[in-house]
């Protein structure tokens, strides 16, 4: 049914519900699940101005993304071979489009 499902999240309760639904669809169709979080460029610039390193902020976000995704999709039995986690910086609509194009 679905070969690839792209699920952008923002760590809100609504996006976690969307992630559960995407995981259910991916599990039933044995498809690939791609979870995307987009970091706001203004927040990234503010963090860099406050002496945080951009790489550290992205690494921290990725760590939180892994934690949230693992806990949320655990009941659906999606293995790591069918799961991709992406963290990007930019405007959400542009990163969603580019990620969709990247993964077909």
PDB file of N, CA and C in Angstrom:
ATOM      1  N   UNK A   1       0.823  -1.184   0.000  1.00  0.00           N
ATOM      2  CA  UNK A   1       0.000   0.000   0.000  1.00  0.00           C
ATOM      3  C   UNK A   1       0.874   1.258   0.000  1.00  0.00           C
ATOM      4  N   UNK A   2       1.649   1.493   1.063  1.00  0.00           N
ATOM      5  CA  UNK A   2       2.551   2.635   1.124  1.00  0.00           C
ATOM      6  C   UNK A   2       3.986   2.112   1.182  1.00  0.00           C
ATOM      7  N   UNK A   3       4.821   2.586   0.298  1.00  0.00           N
ATOM      8  CA  UNK A   3       6.222   2.179   0.339  1.00  0.00           C
ATOM      9  C   UNK A   3       7.032   3.090   1.243  1.00  0.00           C
ATOM     10  N   UNK A   4       6.715   4.385   1.234  1.00  0.00           N
ATOM     11  CA  UNK A   4       7.452   5.352   2.044  1.00  0.00           C
ATOM     12  C   UNK A   4       6.470   6.359   2.627  1.00  0.00           C
ATOM     13  N   UNK A   5       6.618   6.625   3.923  1.00  0.00           N
ATOM     14  CA  UNK A   5       5.768   7.602   4.603  1.00  0.00           C
ATOM     15  C   UNK A   5       6.681   8.629   5.256  1.00  0.00           C
ATOM     16  N   UNK A   6       6.459   9.888   4.919  1.00  0.00           N
ATOM     17  CA  UNK A   6       7.203  10.994   5.514  1.00  0.00           C
ATOM     18  C   UNK A   6       6.324  11.642   6.572  1.00  0.00           C
ATOM     19  N   UNK A   7       6.830  11.701   7.798  1.00  0.00           N
ATOM     20  CA  UNK A   7       6.062  12.276   8.906  1.00  0.00           C
ATOM     21  C   UNK A   7       6.882  13.386   9.566  1.00  0.00           C
ATOM     22  N   UNK A   8       6.610  14.643   9.227  1.00  0.00           N
ATOM     23  CA  UNK A   8       7.270  15.748   9.928  1.00  0.00           C
ATOM     24  C   UNK A   8       6.667  15.896  11.319  1.00  0.00           C
ATOM     25  N   UNK A   9       7.507  16.143  12.306  1.00  0.00           N
ATOM     26  CA  UNK A   9       6.997  16.358  13.664  1.00  0.00           C
ATOM     27  C   UNK A   9       7.617  17.614  14.258  1.00  0.00           C
ATOM     28  N   UNK A  10       6.942  18.126  15.303  1.00  0.00           N
ATOM     29  CA  UNK A  10       7.457  19.297  16.014  1.00  0.00           C
ATOM     30  C   UNK A  10       7.460  19.069  17.527  1.00  0.00           C
ATOM     31  N   UNK A  11       7.380  17.817  17.948  1.00  0.00           N
ATOM     32  CA  UNK A  11       7.374  17.377  19.346  1.00  0.00           C
ATOM     33  C   UNK A  11       6.082  17.730  20.087  1.00  0.00           C
ATOM     34  N   UNK A  12       5.081  18.230  19.394  1.00  0.00           N
ATOM     35  CA  UNK A  12       3.804  18.528  20.044  1.00  0.00           C
ATOM     36  C   UNK A  12       2.995  17.238  20.192  1.00  0.00           C
ATOM     37  N   UNK A  13       1.962  17.300  21.003  1.00  0.00           N
ATOM     38  CA  UNK A  13       1.079  16.137  21.174  1.00  0.00           C
ATOM     39  C   UNK A  13       0.404  15.764  19.858  1.00  0.00           C
ATOM     40  N   UNK A  14       0.030  16.764  19.070  1.00  0.00           N
ATOM     41  CA  UNK A  14      -0.620  16.487  17.790  1.00  0.00           C
ATOM     42  C   UNK A  14       0.328  15.787  16.821  1.00  0.00           C
ATOM     43  N   UNK A  15       1.575  16.227  16.797  1.00  0.00           N
ATOM     44  CA  UNK A  15       2.509  15.582  15.872  1.00  0.00           C
ATOM     45  C   UNK A  15       2.877  14.176  16.343  1.00  0.00           C
ATOM     46  N   UNK A  16       2.862  13.937  17.638  1.00  0.00           N
ATOM     47  CA  UNK A  16       3.094  12.574  18.136  1.00  0.00           C
ATOM     48  C   UNK A  16       1.948  11.654  17.729  1.00  0.00           C
ATOM     49  N   UNK A  17       0.732  12.184  17.729  1.00  0.00           N
ATOM     50  CA  UNK A  17      -0.406  11.402  17.262  1.00  0.00           C
ATOM     51  C   UNK A  17      -0.258  11.105  15.770  1.00  0.00           C
ATOM     52  N   UNK A  18       0.166  12.089  15.005  1.00  0.00           N
ATOM     53  CA  UNK A  18       0.411  11.870  13.575  1.00  0.00           C
ATOM     54  C   UNK A  18       1.503  10.817  13.381  1.00  0.00           C
ATOM     55  N   UNK A  19       2.526  10.837  14.228  1.00  0.00           N
ATOM     56  CA  UNK A  19       3.597   9.852  14.156  1.00  0.00           C
ATOM     57  C   UNK A  19       3.070   8.443  14.454  1.00  0.00           C
ATOM     58  N   UNK A  20       2.202   8.334  15.437  1.00  0.00           N
ATOM     59  CA  UNK A  20       1.592   7.025  15.728  1.00  0.00           C
ATOM     60  C   UNK A  20       0.832   6.502  14.516  1.00  0.00           C
ATOM     61  N   UNK A  21       0.069   7.370  13.892  1.00  0.00           N
ATOM     62  CA  UNK A  21      -0.714   6.964  12.721  1.00  0.00           C
ATOM     63  C   UNK A  21       0.217   6.592  11.558  1.00  0.00           C
ATOM     64  N   UNK A  22       1.260   7.375  11.338  1.00  0.00           N
ATOM     65  CA  UNK A  22       2.228   7.067  10.281  1.00  0.00           C
ATOM     66  C   UNK A  22       2.920   5.737  10.558  1.00  0.00           C
ATOM     67  N   UNK A  23       3.260   5.482  11.817  1.00  0.00           N
ATOM     68  CA  UNK A  23       3.900   4.216  12.186  1.00  0.00           C
ATOM     69  C   UNK A  23       2.951   3.048  11.962  1.00  0.00           C
ATOM     70  N   UNK A  24       1.693   3.228  12.279  1.00  0.00           N
ATOM     71  CA  UNK A  24       0.697   2.187  12.037  1.00  0.00           C
ATOM     72  C   UNK A  24       0.594   1.878  10.547  1.00  0.00           C
ATOM     73  N   UNK A  25       0.521   2.909   9.721  1.00  0.00           N
ATOM     74  CA  UNK A  25       0.450   2.709   8.269  1.00  0.00           C
ATOM     75  C   UNK A  25       1.714   2.028   7.735  1.00  0.00           C
ATOM     76  N   UNK A  26       2.860   2.480   8.201  1.00  0.00           N
ATOM     77  CA  UNK A  26       4.125   1.880   7.750  1.00  0.00           C
ATOM     78  C   UNK A  26       4.208   0.424   8.182  1.00  0.00           C
ATOM     79  N   UNK A  27       3.768   0.139   9.382  1.00  0.00           N
ATOM     80  CA  UNK A  27       3.813  -1.229   9.889  1.00  0.00           C
ATOM     81  C   UNK A  27       2.899  -2.148   9.075  1.00  0.00           C
ATOM     82  N   UNK A  28       1.693  -1.696   8.824  1.00  0.00           N
ATOM     83  CA  UNK A  28       0.731  -2.532   8.086  1.00  0.00           C
ATOM     84  C   UNK A  28       1.126  -2.753   6.639  1.00  0.00           C
ATOM     85  N   UNK A  29       1.767  -1.770   6.047  1.00  0.00           N
ATOM     86  CA  UNK A  29       2.151  -1.900   4.640  1.00  0.00           C
ATOM     87  C   UNK A  29       3.612  -2.319   4.462  1.00  0.00           C
ATOM     88  N   UNK A  30       4.306  -2.538   5.600  1.00  0.00           N
ATOM     89  CA  UNK A  30       5.726  -2.881   5.570  1.00  0.00           C
ATOM     90  C   UNK A  30       6.542  -1.848   4.791  1.00  0.00           C
ATOM     91  N   UNK A  31       6.137  -0.601   4.980  1.00  0.00           N
ATOM     92  CA  UNK A  31       6.799   0.495   4.296  1.00  0.00           C
ATOM     93  C   UNK A  31       7.886   1.119   5.142  1.00  0.00           C
ATOM     94  N   UNK A  32       8.517   2.087   4.558  1.00  0.00           N
ATOM     95  CA  UNK A  32       9.595   2.830   5.210  1.00  0.00           C
ATOM     96  C   UNK A  32       9.005   4.070   5.860  1.00  0.00           C
ATOM     97  N   UNK A  33       9.453   4.382   7.068  1.00  0.00           N
ATOM     98  CA  UNK A  33       8.991   5.565   7.790  1.00  0.00           C
ATOM     99  C   UNK A  33      10.147   6.546   7.919  1.00  0.00           C
ATOM    100  N   UNK A  34       9.911   7.760   7.445  1.00  0.00           N
ATOM    101  CA  UNK A  34      10.897   8.835   7.564  1.00  0.00           C
ATOM    102  C   UNK A  34      10.306   9.887   8.479  1.00  0.00           C
ATOM    103  N   UNK A  35      11.004  10.186   9.569  1.00  0.00           N
ATOM    104  CA  UNK A  35      10.536  11.181  10.532  1.00  0.00           C
ATOM    105  C   UNK A  35      11.457  12.388  10.413  1.00  0.00           C
ATOM    106  N   UNK A  36      10.850  13.548  10.225  1.00  0.00           N
ATOM    107  CA  UNK A  36      11.595  14.782   9.988  1.00  0.00           C
ATOM    108  C   UNK A  36      11.268  15.817  11.055  1.00  0.00           C
ATOM    109  N   UNK A  37      12.303  16.429  11.605  1.00  0.00           N
ATOM    110  CA  UNK A  37      12.142  17.600  12.462  1.00  0.00           C
ATOM    111  C   UNK A  37      12.925  18.736  11.824  1.00  0.00           C
ATOM    112  N   UNK A  38      12.305  19.902  11.737  1.00  0.00           N
ATOM    113  CA  UNK A  38      12.956  21.063  11.124  1.00  0.00           C
ATOM    114  C   UNK A  38      13.211  22.115  12.192  1.00  0.00           C
ATOM    115  N   UNK A  39      14.475  22.449  12.352  1.00  0.00           N
ATOM    116  CA  UNK A  39      14.895  23.486  13.311  1.00  0.00           C
ATOM    117  C   UNK A  39      14.714  24.849  12.664  1.00  0.00           C
ATOM    118  N   UNK A  40      14.116  25.756  13.379  1.00  0.00           N
ATOM    119  CA  UNK A  40      13.875  27.100  12.883  1.00  0.00           C
ATOM    120  C   UNK A  40      15.206  27.834  12.712  1.00  0.00           C
ATOM    121  N   UNK A  41      15.449  28.452  11.557  1.00  0.00           N
ATOM    122  CA  UNK A  41      16.731  29.137  11.361  1.00  0.00           C
ATOM    123  C   UNK A  41      16.937  30.312  12.314  1.00  0.00           C
ATOM    124  N   UNK A  42      15.863  30.971  12.734  1.00  0.00           N
ATOM    125  CA  UNK A  42      16.009  32.067  13.696  1.00  0.00           C
ATOM    126  C   UNK A  42      16.485  31.547  15.047  1.00  0.00           C
ATOM    127  N   UNK A  43      15.942  30.413  15.471  1.00  0.00           N
ATOM    128  CA  UNK A  43      16.387  29.791  16.716  1.00  0.00           C
ATOM    129  C   UNK A  43      17.842  29.355  16.610  1.00  0.00           C
ATOM    130  N   UNK A  44      18.201  28.813  15.467  1.00  0.00           N
ATOM    131  CA  UNK A  44      19.584  28.381  15.251  1.00  0.00           C
ATOM    132  C   UNK A  44      20.524  29.580  15.328  1.00  0.00           C
ATOM    133  N   UNK A  45      20.155  30.687  14.700  1.00  0.00           N
ATOM    134  CA  UNK A  45      20.994  31.884  14.740  1.00  0.00           C
ATOM    135  C   UNK A  45      21.096  32.448  16.156  1.00  0.00           C
ATOM    136  N   UNK A  46      19.993  32.415  16.898  1.00  0.00           N
ATOM    137  CA  UNK A  46      20.011  32.893  18.284  1.00  0.00           C
ATOM    138  C   UNK A  46      20.907  32.005  19.137  1.00  0.00           C
ATOM    139  N   UNK A  47      20.857  30.720  18.926  1.00  0.00           N
ATOM    140  CA  UNK A  47      21.695  29.793  19.693  1.00  0.00           C
ATOM    141  C   UNK A  47      23.170  30.029  19.394  1.00  0.00           C
ATOM    142  N   UNK A  48      23.486  30.241  18.135  1.00  0.00           N
ATOM    143  CA  UNK A  48      24.879  30.501  17.750  1.00  0.00           C
ATOM    144  C   UNK A  48      25.338  31.829  18.358  1.00  0.00           C
ATOM    145  N   UNK A  49      24.464  32.821  18.370  1.00  0.00           N
ATOM    146  CA  UNK A  49      24.809  34.120  18.972  1.00  0.00           C
ATOM    147  C   UNK A  49      25.037  33.993  20.471  1.00  0.00           C
ATOM    148  N   UNK A  50      24.411  33.006  21.100  1.00  0.00           N
ATOM    149  CA  UNK A  50      24.573  32.794  22.546  1.00  0.00           C
ATOM    150  C   UNK A  50      25.692  31.790  22.838  1.00  0.00           C
ATOM    151  N   UNK A  51      26.589  31.628  21.887  1.00  0.00           N
ATOM    152  CA  UNK A  51      27.773  30.779  22.017  1.00  0.00           C
ATOM    153  C   UNK A  51      27.490  29.275  21.999  1.00  0.00           C
ATOM    154  N   UNK A  52      26.361  28.873  21.497  1.00  0.00           N
ATOM    155  CA  UNK A  52      26.120  27.448  21.264  1.00  0.00           C
ATOM    156  C   UNK A  52      26.612  27.129  19.857  1.00  0.00           C
ATOM    157  N   UNK A  53      27.082  25.948  19.686  1.00  0.00           N
ATOM    158  CA  UNK A  53      27.505  25.518  18.365  1.00  0.00           C
ATOM    159  C   UNK A  53      26.315  24.930  17.628  1.00  0.00           C
ATOM    160  N   UNK A  54      26.185  25.250  16.364  1.00  0.00           N
ATOM    161  CA  UNK A  54      25.071  24.736  15.568  1.00  0.00           C
ATOM    162  C   UNK A  54      25.073  23.207  15.558  1.00  0.00           C
ATOM    163  N   UNK A  55      26.241  22.605  15.452  1.00  0.00           N
ATOM    164  CA  UNK A  55      26.331  21.146  15.431  1.00  0.00           C
ATOM    165  C   UNK A  55      25.854  20.542  16.745  1.00  0.00           C
ATOM    166  N   UNK A  56      26.166  21.212  17.856  1.00  0.00           N
ATOM    167  CA  UNK A  56      25.717  20.725  19.171  1.00  0.00           C
ATOM    168  C   UNK A  56      24.202  20.798  19.289  1.00  0.00           C
ATOM    169  N   UNK A  57      23.626  21.881  18.792  1.00  0.00           N
ATOM    170  CA  UNK A  57      22.175  22.037  18.849  1.00  0.00           C
ATOM    171  C   UNK A  57      21.484  20.971  17.989  1.00  0.00           C
ATOM    172  N   UNK A  58      22.004  20.722  16.812  1.00  0.00           N
ATOM    173  CA  UNK A  58      21.431  19.694  15.937  1.00  0.00           C
ATOM    174  C   UNK A  58      21.607  18.317  16.569  1.00  0.00           C
ATOM    175  N   UNK A  59      22.762  18.048  17.165  1.00  0.00           N
ATOM    176  CA  UNK A  59      22.989  16.754  17.825  1.00  0.00           C
ATOM    177  C   UNK A  59      22.031  16.560  18.993  1.00  0.00           C
ATOM    178  N   UNK A  60      21.802  17.618  19.749  1.00  0.00           N
ATOM    179  CA  UNK A  60      20.868  17.548  20.862  1.00  0.00           C
ATOM    180  C   UNK A  60      19.440  17.302  20.371  1.00  0.00           C
ATOM    181  N   UNK A  61      19.072  17.975  19.306  1.00  0.00           N
ATOM    182  CA  UNK A  61      17.744  17.777  18.713  1.00  0.00           C
ATOM    183  C   UNK A  61      17.600  16.357  18.193  1.00  0.00           C
ATOM    184  N   UNK A  62      18.632  15.845  17.544  1.00  0.00           N
ATOM    185  CA  UNK A  62      18.583  14.477  17.013  1.00  0.00           C
ATOM    186  C   UNK A  62      18.422  13.473  18.162  1.00  0.00           C
ATOM    187  N   UNK A  63      19.124  13.699  19.256  1.00  0.00           N
ATOM    188  CA  UNK A  63      19.022  12.807  20.416  1.00  0.00           C
ATOM    189  C   UNK A  63      17.592  12.790  20.953  1.00  0.00           C
ATOM    190  N   UNK A  64      16.989  13.950  21.055  1.00  0.00           N
ATOM    191  CA  UNK A  64      15.597  14.039  21.517  1.00  0.00           C
ATOM    192  C   UNK A  64      14.650  13.397  20.505  1.00  0.00           C
ATOM    193  N   UNK A  65      14.924  13.589  19.224  1.00  0.00           N
ATOM    194  CA  UNK A  65      14.108  12.974  18.176  1.00  0.00           C
ATOM    195  C   UNK A  65      14.155  11.453  18.282  1.00  0.00           C
ATOM    196  N   UNK A  66      15.328  10.907  18.475  1.00  0.00           N
ATOM    197  CA  UNK A  66      15.472   9.452  18.626  1.00  0.00           C
ATOM    198  C   UNK A  66      14.667   8.972  19.824  1.00  0.00           C
ATOM    199  N   UNK A  67      14.772   9.661  20.944  1.00  0.00           N
ATOM    200  CA  UNK A  67      14.051   9.264  22.154  1.00  0.00           C
ATOM    201  C   UNK A  67      12.542   9.280  21.935  1.00  0.00           C
ATOM    202  N   UNK A  68      12.038  10.369  21.379  1.00  0.00           N
ATOM    203  CA  UNK A  68      10.593  10.504  21.165  1.00  0.00           C
ATOM    204  C   UNK A  68      10.091   9.478  20.155  1.00  0.00           C
ATOM    205  N   UNK A  69      10.808   9.321  19.069  1.00  0.00           N
ATOM    206  CA  UNK A  69      10.362   8.393  18.026  1.00  0.00           C
ATOM    207  C   UNK A  69      10.378   6.956  18.534  1.00  0.00           C
ATOM    208  N   UNK A  70      11.437   6.551  19.185  1.00  0.00           N
ATOM    209  CA  UNK A  70      11.501   5.169  19.697  1.00  0.00           C
ATOM    210  C   UNK A  70      10.348   4.874  20.642  1.00  0.00           C
ATOM    211  N   UNK A  71      10.080   5.801  21.539  1.00  0.00           N
ATOM    212  CA  UNK A  71       9.003   5.587  22.507  1.00  0.00           C
ATOM    213  C   UNK A  71       7.632   5.576  21.806  1.00  0.00           C
ATOM    214  N   UNK A  72       7.460   6.434  20.830  1.00  0.00           N
ATOM    215  CA  UNK A  72       6.157   6.568  20.172  1.00  0.00           C
ATOM    216  C   UNK A  72       5.848   5.401  19.244  1.00  0.00           C
ATOM    217  N   UNK A  73       6.855   4.919  18.508  1.00  0.00           N
ATOM    218  CA  UNK A  73       6.568   3.876  17.509  1.00  0.00           C
ATOM    219  C   UNK A  73       6.811   2.464  18.021  1.00  0.00           C
ATOM    220  N   UNK A  74       7.289   2.320  19.239  1.00  0.00           N
ATOM    221  CA  UNK A  74       7.607   0.994  19.776  1.00  0.00           C
ATOM    222  C   UNK A  74       6.490  -0.035  19.593  1.00  0.00           C
ATOM    223  N   UNK A  75       5.227   0.300  19.837  1.00  0.00           N
ATOM    224  CA  UNK A  75       4.172  -0.704  19.710  1.00  0.00           C
ATOM    225  C   UNK A  75       3.942  -1.207  18.275  1.00  0.00           C
ATOM    226  N   UNK A  76       4.516  -0.541  17.287  1.00  0.00           N
ATOM    227  CA  UNK A  76       4.217  -0.883  15.897  1.00  0.00           C
ATOM    228  C   UNK A  76       5.261  -1.784  15.241  1.00  0.00           C
ATOM    229  N   UNK A  77       6.308  -2.104  15.944  1.00  0.00           N
ATOM    230  CA  UNK A  77       7.285  -3.072  15.462  1.00  0.00           C
ATOM    231  C   UNK A  77       8.058  -2.669  14.224  1.00  0.00           C
ATOM    232  N   UNK A  78       8.322  -1.406  14.051  1.00  0.00           N
ATOM    233  CA  UNK A  78       9.103  -0.953  12.896  1.00  0.00           C
ATOM    234  C   UNK A  78      10.576  -1.087  13.240  1.00  0.00           C
ATOM    235  N   UNK A  79      11.303  -1.856  12.441  1.00  0.00           N
ATOM    236  CA  UNK A  79      12.722  -2.036  12.736  1.00  0.00           C
ATOM    237  C   UNK A  79      13.544  -0.875  12.178  1.00  0.00           C
ATOM    238  N   UNK A  80      14.767  -0.792  12.611  1.00  0.00           N
ATOM    239  CA  UNK A  80      15.619   0.343  12.239  1.00  0.00           C
ATOM    240  C   UNK A  80      15.948   0.371  10.752  1.00  0.00           C
ATOM    241  N   UNK A  81      15.840  -0.763  10.077  1.00  0.00           N
ATOM    242  CA  UNK A  81      16.106  -0.779   8.640  1.00  0.00           C
ATOM    243  C   UNK A  81      15.036  -0.017   7.861  1.00  0.00           C
ATOM    244  N   UNK A  82      13.856   0.101   8.432  1.00  0.00           N
ATOM    245  CA  UNK A  82      12.748   0.795   7.759  1.00  0.00           C
ATOM    246  C   UNK A  82      12.463   2.152   8.377  1.00  0.00           C
ATOM    247  N   UNK A  83      13.382   2.661   9.192  1.00  0.00           N
ATOM    248  CA  UNK A  83      13.188   3.930   9.874  1.00  0.00           C
ATOM    249  C   UNK A  83      14.347   4.869   9.570  1.00  0.00           C
ATOM    250  N   UNK A  84      14.009   6.090   9.174  1.00  0.00           N
ATOM    251  CA  UNK A  84      15.007   7.123   8.930  1.00  0.00           C
ATOM    252  C   UNK A  84      14.611   8.360   9.721  1.00  0.00           C
ATOM    253  N   UNK A  85      15.566   8.925  10.442  1.00  0.00           N
ATOM    254  CA  UNK A  85      15.332  10.151  11.197  1.00  0.00           C
ATOM    255  C   UNK A  85      16.157  11.266  10.575  1.00  0.00           C
ATOM    256  N   UNK A  86      15.504  12.378  10.303  1.00  0.00           N
ATOM    257  CA  UNK A  86      16.161  13.521   9.672  1.00  0.00           C
ATOM    258  C   UNK A  86      15.948  14.764  10.527  1.00  0.00           C
ATOM    259  N   UNK A  87      17.006  15.555  10.693  1.00  0.00           N
ATOM    260  CA  UNK A  87      16.909  16.859  11.344  1.00  0.00           C
ATOM    261  C   UNK A  87      17.446  17.870  10.344  1.00  0.00           C
ATOM    262  N   UNK A  88      16.627  18.867  10.050  1.00  0.00           N
ATOM    263  CA  UNK A  88      17.033  19.893   9.104  1.00  0.00           C
ATOM    264  C   UNK A  88      16.900  21.270   9.709  1.00  0.00           C
ATOM    265  N   UNK A  89      17.450  22.243   9.017  1.00  0.00           N
ATOM    266  CA  UNK A  89      17.337  23.646   9.433  1.00  0.00           C
ATOM    267  C   UNK A  89      16.761  24.413   8.260  1.00  0.00           C
ATOM    268  N   UNK A  90      15.721  25.177   8.520  1.00  0.00           N
ATOM    269  CA  UNK A  90      15.113  25.964   7.453  1.00  0.00           C
ATOM    270  C   UNK A  90      13.634  26.143   7.679  1.00  0.00           C
ATOM    271  N   UNK A  91      12.965  26.573   6.646  1.00  0.00           N
ATOM    272  CA  UNK A  91      11.516  26.714   6.753  1.00  0.00           C
ATOM    273  C   UNK A  91      10.889  25.337   6.590  1.00  0.00           C
ATOM    274  N   UNK A  92       9.921  25.010   7.434  1.00  0.00           N
ATOM    275  CA  UNK A  92       9.350  23.654   7.398  1.00  0.00           C
ATOM    276  C   UNK A  92       8.850  23.223   6.022  1.00  0.00           C
ATOM    277  N   UNK A  93       8.102  24.090   5.347  1.00  0.00           N
ATOM    278  CA  UNK A  93       7.546  23.651   4.059  1.00  0.00           C
ATOM    279  C   UNK A  93       8.640  23.328   3.038  1.00  0.00           C
ATOM    280  N   UNK A  94       9.705  24.095   3.041  1.00  0.00           N
ATOM    281  CA  UNK A  94      10.798  23.838   2.098  1.00  0.00           C
ATOM    282  C   UNK A  94      11.547  22.554   2.454  1.00  0.00           C
ATOM    283  N   UNK A  95      11.786  22.321   3.753  1.00  0.00           N
ATOM    284  CA  UNK A  95      12.507  21.114   4.166  1.00  0.00           C
ATOM    285  C   UNK A  95      11.638  19.859   3.963  1.00  0.00           C
ATOM    286  N   UNK A  96      10.338  19.987   4.171  1.00  0.00           N
ATOM    287  CA  UNK A  96       9.451  18.849   3.926  1.00  0.00           C
ATOM    288  C   UNK A  96       9.489  18.487   2.444  1.00  0.00           C
ATOM    289  N   UNK A  97       9.393  19.492   1.591  1.00  0.00           N
ATOM    290  CA  UNK A  97       9.435  19.253   0.139  1.00  0.00           C
ATOM    291  C   UNK A  97      10.778  18.633  -0.270  1.00  0.00           C
ATOM    292  N   UNK A  98      11.881  19.196   0.208  1.00  0.00           N
ATOM    293  CA  UNK A  98      13.192  18.684  -0.198  1.00  0.00           C
ATOM    294  C   UNK A  98      13.428  17.271   0.344  1.00  0.00           C
ATOM    295  N   UNK A  99      12.924  16.990   1.529  1.00  0.00           N
ATOM    296  CA  UNK A  99      13.057  15.638   2.087  1.00  0.00           C
ATOM    297  C   UNK A  99      12.211  14.648   1.299  1.00  0.00           C
ATOM    298  N   UNK A 100      11.019  15.062   0.915  1.00  0.00           N
ATOM    299  CA  UNK A 100      10.175  14.201   0.084  1.00  0.00           C
ATOM    300  C   UNK A 100      10.840  13.902  -1.249  1.00  0.00           C
ATOM    301  N   UNK A 101      11.454  14.898  -1.847  1.00  0.00           N
ATOM    302  CA  UNK A 101      12.160  14.690  -3.108  1.00  0.00           C
ATOM    303  C   UNK A 101      13.380  13.794  -2.908  1.00  0.00           C
ATOM    304  N   UNK A 102      14.099  14.005  -1.823  1.00  0.00           N
ATOM    305  CA  UNK A 102      15.306  13.218  -1.525  1.00  0.00           C
ATOM    306  C   UNK A 102      14.988  11.736  -1.408  1.00  0.00           C
ATOM    307  N   UNK A 103      13.884  11.399  -0.748  1.00  0.00           N
ATOM    308  CA  UNK A 103      13.555  10.004  -0.515  1.00  0.00           C
ATOM    309  C   UNK A 103      12.519   9.437  -1.485  1.00  0.00           C
ATOM    310  N   UNK A 104      12.116  10.253  -2.415  1.00  0.00           N
ATOM    311  CA  UNK A 104      11.178   9.776  -3.439  1.00  0.00           C
ATOM    312  C   UNK A 104       9.814   9.471  -2.897  1.00  0.00           C
TER     313      UNK A 104
END
